[in-house]
Amino acid sequence: MEVKAEQKFVRMSPRKIREIVPIVKSLTPAKALEVLPFIRRSANEPLIKVIKSAIANAKVRGLNEADLIFKEIQIGEGPRLKRWRPGARGRTKPYKRRMSHIRVVLVSKTTPSEKLKVKSLKPRERQRRLRK
């Protein structure tokens, strides 16, 4: 069973958050929450919040926290706020304040795999699914 959590419009550049994701993705969510505070990046705070939210969603659905693993962590780009700084000779220097959308999907290790679900299908449908 998949459990999702999203945080949108985080006022931080997606590039900064994407630096942390490879470190976290190889861990379990519980272990990631232990490790993230010791990573010295400002991007760890919004990521911690989303992971905690995903774990809470899993508990509501009756899943065990120890059985959860990351299926995906997506860091997407949100809208950009266009701002200006004063420049030389009375001109303006434009820059963008970037936002990001964080999406975490957790899966339980004990859920049946896709191949077990395929057995209950008709032969043609089974072949089509297995080819994918």
N, C-alpha and C. Protein backbone atom coordinates (compact mmCIF):
# COMPACT_ATOMS: atom_id res chain seq x y z
N MET A 1 0.83 -1.18 0.00
CA MET A 1 0.00 0.00 0.00
C MET A 1 0.88 1.25 0.00
N GLU A 2 0.55 2.17 -0.87
CA GLU A 2 1.31 3.42 -0.96
C GLU A 2 0.73 4.47 -0.02
N VAL A 3 1.62 5.23 0.57
CA VAL A 3 1.23 6.34 1.43
C VAL A 3 1.96 7.57 0.92
N LYS A 4 1.21 8.65 0.69
CA LYS A 4 1.79 9.86 0.12
C LYS A 4 1.68 11.04 1.09
N ALA A 5 2.65 11.94 0.96
CA ALA A 5 2.60 13.21 1.68
C ALA A 5 3.24 14.27 0.79
N GLU A 6 2.64 15.44 0.76
CA GLU A 6 3.16 16.53 -0.07
C GLU A 6 3.26 17.81 0.75
N GLN A 7 4.25 18.58 0.42
CA GLN A 7 4.37 19.94 0.95
C GLN A 7 4.61 20.84 -0.24
N LYS A 8 3.72 21.77 -0.44
CA LYS A 8 3.84 22.65 -1.60
C LYS A 8 4.25 24.05 -1.18
N PHE A 9 4.81 24.76 -2.12
CA PHE A 9 5.19 26.16 -1.95
C PHE A 9 6.19 26.38 -0.81
N VAL A 10 7.18 25.50 -0.75
CA VAL A 10 8.26 25.66 0.23
C VAL A 10 9.19 26.73 -0.31
N ARG A 11 9.45 27.77 0.46
CA ARG A 11 10.25 28.90 -0.01
C ARG A 11 11.74 28.57 0.04
N MET A 12 12.12 27.59 -0.75
CA MET A 12 13.51 27.19 -0.84
C MET A 12 13.73 26.64 -2.25
N SER A 13 14.88 26.87 -2.78
CA SER A 13 15.20 26.42 -4.12
C SER A 13 15.21 24.89 -4.18
N PRO A 14 14.64 24.31 -5.24
CA PRO A 14 14.65 22.86 -5.37
C PRO A 14 16.07 22.28 -5.41
N ARG A 15 16.99 23.03 -5.95
CA ARG A 15 18.37 22.58 -6.04
C ARG A 15 18.96 22.29 -4.66
N LYS A 16 18.63 23.12 -3.68
CA LYS A 16 19.16 22.93 -2.33
C LYS A 16 18.58 21.68 -1.68
N ILE A 17 17.31 21.42 -1.92
CA ILE A 17 16.67 20.26 -1.32
C ILE A 17 17.14 18.97 -2.01
N ARG A 18 17.36 19.04 -3.32
CA ARG A 18 17.77 17.85 -4.07
C ARG A 18 19.15 17.33 -3.65
N GLU A 19 19.96 18.17 -3.03
CA GLU A 19 21.28 17.73 -2.54
C GLU A 19 21.15 16.66 -1.47
N ILE A 20 20.12 16.75 -0.66
CA ILE A 20 19.94 15.86 0.49
C ILE A 20 19.26 14.55 0.11
N VAL A 21 18.42 14.56 -0.92
CA VAL A 21 17.58 13.41 -1.25
C VAL A 21 18.36 12.10 -1.46
N PRO A 22 19.50 12.06 -2.17
CA PRO A 22 20.20 10.78 -2.33
C PRO A 22 20.66 10.16 -1.02
N ILE A 23 21.00 10.98 -0.05
CA ILE A 23 21.42 10.48 1.26
C ILE A 23 20.25 9.81 1.97
N VAL A 24 19.10 10.44 1.90
CA VAL A 24 17.92 10.00 2.64
C VAL A 24 17.24 8.81 1.98
N LYS A 25 17.23 8.78 0.66
CA LYS A 25 16.44 7.79 -0.06
C LYS A 25 16.89 6.36 0.21
N SER A 26 18.15 6.14 0.49
CA SER A 26 18.65 4.80 0.74
C SER A 26 18.31 4.29 2.14
N LEU A 27 17.84 5.17 3.02
CA LEU A 27 17.52 4.80 4.39
C LEU A 27 16.04 4.48 4.55
N THR A 28 15.68 3.92 5.69
CA THR A 28 14.26 3.79 6.02
C THR A 28 13.78 5.15 6.53
N PRO A 29 12.47 5.42 6.49
CA PRO A 29 11.98 6.72 6.96
C PRO A 29 12.33 7.01 8.42
N ALA A 30 12.25 5.99 9.28
CA ALA A 30 12.58 6.20 10.70
C ALA A 30 14.06 6.56 10.86
N LYS A 31 14.92 5.87 10.13
CA LYS A 31 16.35 6.15 10.19
C LYS A 31 16.67 7.52 9.58
N ALA A 32 15.93 7.88 8.52
CA ALA A 32 16.13 9.18 7.89
C ALA A 32 15.82 10.32 8.86
N LEU A 33 14.78 10.14 9.68
CA LEU A 33 14.45 11.18 10.66
C LEU A 33 15.54 11.32 11.73
N GLU A 34 16.27 10.24 12.00
CA GLU A 34 17.38 10.31 12.95
C GLU A 34 18.59 11.00 12.34
N VAL A 35 18.83 10.76 11.05
CA VAL A 35 20.04 11.26 10.39
C VAL A 35 19.90 12.71 9.93
N LEU A 36 18.72 13.09 9.46
CA LEU A 36 18.53 14.42 8.86
C LEU A 36 18.93 15.60 9.75
N PRO A 37 18.65 15.60 11.05
CA PRO A 37 19.06 16.77 11.86
C PRO A 37 20.57 17.01 11.88
N PHE A 38 21.35 15.97 11.60
CA PHE A 38 22.80 16.12 11.64
C PHE A 38 23.39 16.51 10.29
N ILE A 39 22.57 16.58 9.26
CA ILE A 39 23.03 17.08 7.97
C ILE A 39 22.94 18.60 8.05
N ARG A 40 24.05 19.27 7.87
CA ARG A 40 24.08 20.71 8.09
C ARG A 40 23.65 21.47 6.85
N ARG A 41 22.36 21.37 6.56
CA ARG A 41 21.76 22.10 5.45
C ARG A 41 20.43 22.65 5.94
N SER A 42 20.05 23.79 5.43
CA SER A 42 18.76 24.37 5.83
C SER A 42 17.59 23.62 5.20
N ALA A 43 17.89 22.84 4.17
CA ALA A 43 16.83 22.11 3.46
C ALA A 43 16.34 20.90 4.24
N ASN A 44 17.01 20.53 5.31
CA ASN A 44 16.57 19.33 6.03
C ASN A 44 15.26 19.54 6.78
N GLU A 45 14.95 20.77 7.20
CA GLU A 45 13.73 21.02 7.98
C GLU A 45 12.45 20.73 7.20
N PRO A 46 12.27 21.27 5.98
CA PRO A 46 11.03 20.91 5.26
C PRO A 46 10.96 19.44 4.90
N LEU A 47 12.10 18.81 4.64
CA LEU A 47 12.09 17.39 4.30
C LEU A 47 11.70 16.54 5.51
N ILE A 48 12.16 16.92 6.70
CA ILE A 48 11.78 16.23 7.93
C ILE A 48 10.27 16.30 8.12
N LYS A 49 9.69 17.48 7.91
CA LYS A 49 8.25 17.65 8.09
C LYS A 49 7.44 16.76 7.16
N VAL A 50 7.86 16.66 5.91
CA VAL A 50 7.11 15.85 4.95
C VAL A 50 7.24 14.37 5.28
N ILE A 51 8.41 13.93 5.70
CA ILE A 51 8.60 12.52 6.06
C ILE A 51 7.77 12.17 7.29
N LYS A 52 7.74 13.07 8.27
CA LYS A 52 6.91 12.85 9.46
C LYS A 52 5.43 12.76 9.08
N SER A 53 5.02 13.61 8.17
CA SER A 53 3.63 13.59 7.72
C SER A 53 3.30 12.28 7.01
N ALA A 54 4.22 11.78 6.19
CA ALA A 54 3.99 10.52 5.48
C ALA A 54 3.91 9.35 6.46
N ILE A 55 4.76 9.37 7.48
CA ILE A 55 4.72 8.31 8.50
C ILE A 55 3.40 8.37 9.27
N ALA A 56 2.95 9.56 9.60
CA ALA A 56 1.67 9.71 10.30
C ALA A 56 0.51 9.22 9.43
N ASN A 57 0.56 9.50 8.12
CA ASN A 57 -0.47 8.99 7.21
C ASN A 57 -0.47 7.47 7.18
N ALA A 58 0.72 6.87 7.23
CA ALA A 58 0.82 5.41 7.23
C ALA A 58 0.23 4.81 8.50
N LYS A 59 0.48 5.46 9.63
CA LYS A 59 -0.07 4.97 10.90
C LYS A 59 -1.59 5.03 10.90
N VAL A 60 -2.14 6.07 10.31
CA VAL A 60 -3.60 6.19 10.21
C VAL A 60 -4.18 5.05 9.38
N ARG A 61 -3.45 4.63 8.36
CA ARG A 61 -3.92 3.53 7.51
C ARG A 61 -3.64 2.16 8.12
N GLY A 62 -3.01 2.14 9.29
CA GLY A 62 -2.79 0.88 9.99
C GLY A 62 -1.50 0.16 9.61
N LEU A 63 -0.55 0.85 9.01
CA LEU A 63 0.72 0.24 8.64
C LEU A 63 1.73 0.41 9.77
N ASN A 64 2.64 -0.54 9.87
CA ASN A 64 3.68 -0.50 10.88
C ASN A 64 4.81 0.41 10.40
N GLU A 65 5.30 1.27 11.28
CA GLU A 65 6.36 2.22 10.91
C GLU A 65 7.66 1.52 10.54
N ALA A 66 7.93 0.38 11.16
CA ALA A 66 9.19 -0.34 10.90
C ALA A 66 9.21 -0.98 9.52
N ASP A 67 8.04 -1.23 8.92
CA ASP A 67 7.97 -1.89 7.62
C ASP A 67 8.02 -0.93 6.44
N LEU A 68 8.07 0.36 6.69
CA LEU A 68 8.00 1.35 5.61
C LEU A 68 9.35 1.57 4.95
N ILE A 69 9.30 1.78 3.63
CA ILE A 69 10.48 2.17 2.88
C ILE A 69 10.08 3.27 1.89
N PHE A 70 11.06 4.02 1.39
CA PHE A 70 10.77 5.06 0.41
C PHE A 70 10.57 4.44 -0.97
N LYS A 71 9.48 4.80 -1.62
CA LYS A 71 9.31 4.43 -3.01
C LYS A 71 9.88 5.54 -3.88
N GLU A 72 9.53 6.78 -3.53
CA GLU A 72 10.08 7.92 -4.26
C GLU A 72 10.05 9.17 -3.40
N ILE A 73 11.00 10.03 -3.68
CA ILE A 73 11.02 11.37 -3.10
C ILE A 73 11.21 12.31 -4.28
N GLN A 74 10.22 13.12 -4.55
CA GLN A 74 10.28 14.05 -5.68
C GLN A 74 10.40 15.47 -5.17
N ILE A 75 11.28 16.21 -5.77
CA ILE A 75 11.41 17.62 -5.48
C ILE A 75 11.12 18.35 -6.79
N GLY A 76 9.94 18.94 -6.87
CA GLY A 76 9.54 19.64 -8.08
C GLY A 76 9.68 21.14 -7.91
N GLU A 77 9.64 21.83 -9.02
CA GLU A 77 9.73 23.29 -8.98
C GLU A 77 8.35 23.89 -8.81
N GLY A 78 8.28 24.87 -7.95
CA GLY A 78 7.04 25.61 -7.75
C GLY A 78 7.12 26.92 -8.52
N PRO A 79 6.18 27.81 -8.26
CA PRO A 79 6.24 29.11 -8.93
C PRO A 79 7.43 29.94 -8.44
N ARG A 80 7.79 30.90 -9.22
CA ARG A 80 8.92 31.77 -8.86
C ARG A 80 8.42 33.18 -8.61
N LEU A 81 8.91 33.78 -7.56
CA LEU A 81 8.59 35.17 -7.27
C LEU A 81 9.65 36.03 -7.94
N LYS A 82 9.19 36.97 -8.74
CA LYS A 82 10.15 37.83 -9.46
C LYS A 82 10.42 39.08 -8.64
N ARG A 83 11.68 39.31 -8.34
CA ARG A 83 12.10 40.43 -7.51
C ARG A 83 13.19 41.20 -8.23
N TRP A 84 13.46 42.43 -7.72
CA TRP A 84 14.49 43.27 -8.33
C TRP A 84 15.37 43.87 -7.26
N ARG A 85 16.64 44.09 -7.64
CA ARG A 85 17.62 44.78 -6.79
C ARG A 85 18.07 46.02 -7.52
N PRO A 86 18.38 47.07 -6.78
CA PRO A 86 18.91 48.25 -7.46
C PRO A 86 20.29 47.95 -8.05
N GLY A 87 20.51 48.42 -9.25
CA GLY A 87 21.79 48.20 -9.92
C GLY A 87 22.47 49.52 -10.22
N ALA A 88 23.54 49.46 -10.95
CA ALA A 88 24.31 50.65 -11.30
C ALA A 88 23.52 51.56 -12.23
N ARG A 89 23.75 52.85 -12.13
CA ARG A 89 23.14 53.88 -12.98
C ARG A 89 21.62 53.87 -12.94
N GLY A 90 21.06 53.56 -11.78
CA GLY A 90 19.61 53.63 -11.61
C GLY A 90 18.85 52.49 -12.26
N ARG A 91 19.54 51.44 -12.65
CA ARG A 91 18.86 50.30 -13.27
C ARG A 91 18.45 49.28 -12.21
N THR A 92 17.69 48.29 -12.68
CA THR A 92 17.30 47.22 -11.77
C THR A 92 17.94 45.92 -12.22
N LYS A 93 18.24 45.09 -11.25
CA LYS A 93 18.80 43.77 -11.51
C LYS A 93 17.77 42.73 -11.08
N PRO A 94 17.14 42.03 -12.03
CA PRO A 94 16.11 41.06 -11.64
C PRO A 94 16.71 39.76 -11.10
N TYR A 95 15.98 39.14 -10.17
CA TYR A 95 16.32 37.80 -9.69
C TYR A 95 15.03 37.10 -9.31
N LYS A 96 15.11 35.79 -9.13
CA LYS A 96 13.92 35.00 -8.85
C LYS A 96 14.05 34.32 -7.50
N ARG A 97 12.97 34.37 -6.71
CA ARG A 97 12.89 33.62 -5.46
C ARG A 97 12.19 32.31 -5.80
N ARG A 98 12.92 31.23 -5.74
CA ARG A 98 12.36 29.96 -6.18
C ARG A 98 11.63 29.24 -5.04
N MET A 99 10.61 28.48 -5.44
CA MET A 99 9.86 27.65 -4.50
C MET A 99 9.92 26.20 -4.99
N SER A 100 9.62 25.29 -4.07
CA SER A 100 9.63 23.89 -4.47
C SER A 100 8.45 23.15 -3.88
N HIS A 101 8.10 22.04 -4.52
CA HIS A 101 7.07 21.14 -4.06
C HIS A 101 7.77 19.82 -3.70
N ILE A 102 7.53 19.34 -2.48
CA ILE A 102 8.15 18.11 -2.02
C ILE A 102 7.07 17.03 -1.95
N ARG A 103 7.36 15.87 -2.55
CA ARG A 103 6.41 14.76 -2.54
C ARG A 103 7.15 13.50 -2.10
N VAL A 104 6.62 12.86 -1.05
CA VAL A 104 7.22 11.64 -0.51
C VAL A 104 6.19 10.51 -0.62
N VAL A 105 6.61 9.39 -1.18
CA VAL A 105 5.75 8.21 -1.28
C VAL A 105 6.43 7.07 -0.54
N LEU A 106 5.71 6.50 0.43
CA LEU A 106 6.21 5.37 1.20
C LEU A 106 5.45 4.11 0.82
N VAL A 107 6.13 2.98 0.91
CA VAL A 107 5.51 1.68 0.63
C VAL A 107 5.86 0.74 1.77
N SER A 108 4.93 -0.13 2.11
CA SER A 108 5.19 -1.13 3.13
C SER A 108 5.91 -2.32 2.50
N LYS A 109 6.92 -2.84 3.20
CA LYS A 109 7.67 -3.98 2.68
C LYS A 109 6.82 -5.25 2.61
N THR A 110 5.85 -5.36 3.49
CA THR A 110 5.07 -6.59 3.60
C THR A 110 3.90 -6.66 2.62
N THR A 111 3.65 -5.62 1.84
CA THR A 111 2.55 -5.68 0.89
C THR A 111 2.90 -6.64 -0.24
N PRO A 112 1.90 -7.31 -0.81
CA PRO A 112 2.20 -8.25 -1.89
C PRO A 112 2.75 -7.53 -3.10
N SER A 113 3.63 -8.20 -3.81
CA SER A 113 4.25 -7.58 -4.98
C SER A 113 3.28 -7.53 -6.14
N GLU A 114 3.66 -6.83 -7.18
CA GLU A 114 2.81 -6.67 -8.37
C GLU A 114 2.57 -8.01 -9.04
N LYS A 115 3.55 -8.93 -9.00
CA LYS A 115 3.39 -10.22 -9.68
C LYS A 115 2.32 -11.07 -9.02
N LEU A 116 2.15 -10.96 -7.71
CA LEU A 116 1.09 -11.71 -7.06
C LEU A 116 -0.28 -11.21 -7.48
N LYS A 117 -0.40 -9.92 -7.71
CA LYS A 117 -1.66 -9.34 -8.16
C LYS A 117 -1.97 -9.77 -9.59
N VAL A 118 -0.95 -9.99 -10.38
CA VAL A 118 -1.11 -10.33 -11.79
C VAL A 118 -1.73 -11.71 -11.96
N LYS A 119 -1.48 -12.65 -11.04
CA LYS A 119 -1.99 -14.02 -11.16
C LYS A 119 -3.51 -14.09 -11.24
N SER A 120 -4.18 -13.14 -10.60
CA SER A 120 -5.64 -13.18 -10.58
C SER A 120 -6.27 -12.62 -11.85
N LEU A 121 -5.48 -12.15 -12.81
CA LEU A 121 -6.00 -11.56 -14.03
C LEU A 121 -6.20 -12.61 -15.12
N LYS A 122 -6.92 -12.23 -16.15
CA LYS A 122 -7.10 -13.10 -17.31
C LYS A 122 -5.76 -13.23 -18.04
N PRO A 123 -5.60 -14.33 -18.82
CA PRO A 123 -4.29 -14.58 -19.44
C PRO A 123 -3.77 -13.43 -20.31
N ARG A 124 -4.63 -12.83 -21.13
CA ARG A 124 -4.16 -11.73 -21.98
C ARG A 124 -3.70 -10.54 -21.17
N GLU A 125 -4.51 -10.19 -20.19
CA GLU A 125 -4.18 -9.04 -19.33
C GLU A 125 -2.90 -9.32 -18.55
N ARG A 126 -2.70 -10.56 -18.13
CA ARG A 126 -1.52 -10.94 -17.38
C ARG A 126 -0.27 -10.74 -18.25
N GLN A 127 -0.32 -11.17 -19.50
CA GLN A 127 0.83 -11.00 -20.39
C GLN A 127 1.14 -9.53 -20.62
N ARG A 128 0.10 -8.73 -20.78
CA ARG A 128 0.29 -7.31 -21.01
C ARG A 128 0.97 -6.65 -19.81
N ARG A 129 0.57 -7.01 -18.60
CA ARG A 129 1.15 -6.41 -17.40
C ARG A 129 2.59 -6.84 -17.18
N LEU A 130 2.86 -8.13 -17.48
CA LEU A 130 4.21 -8.64 -17.27
C LEU A 130 5.21 -8.07 -18.26
N ARG A 131 4.75 -7.67 -19.43
CA ARG A 131 5.63 -7.07 -20.42
C ARG A 131 6.10 -5.68 -20.02
N LYS A 132 5.34 -4.98 -19.21
CA LYS A 132 5.67 -3.59 -18.83
C LYS A 132 6.91 -3.49 -18.03
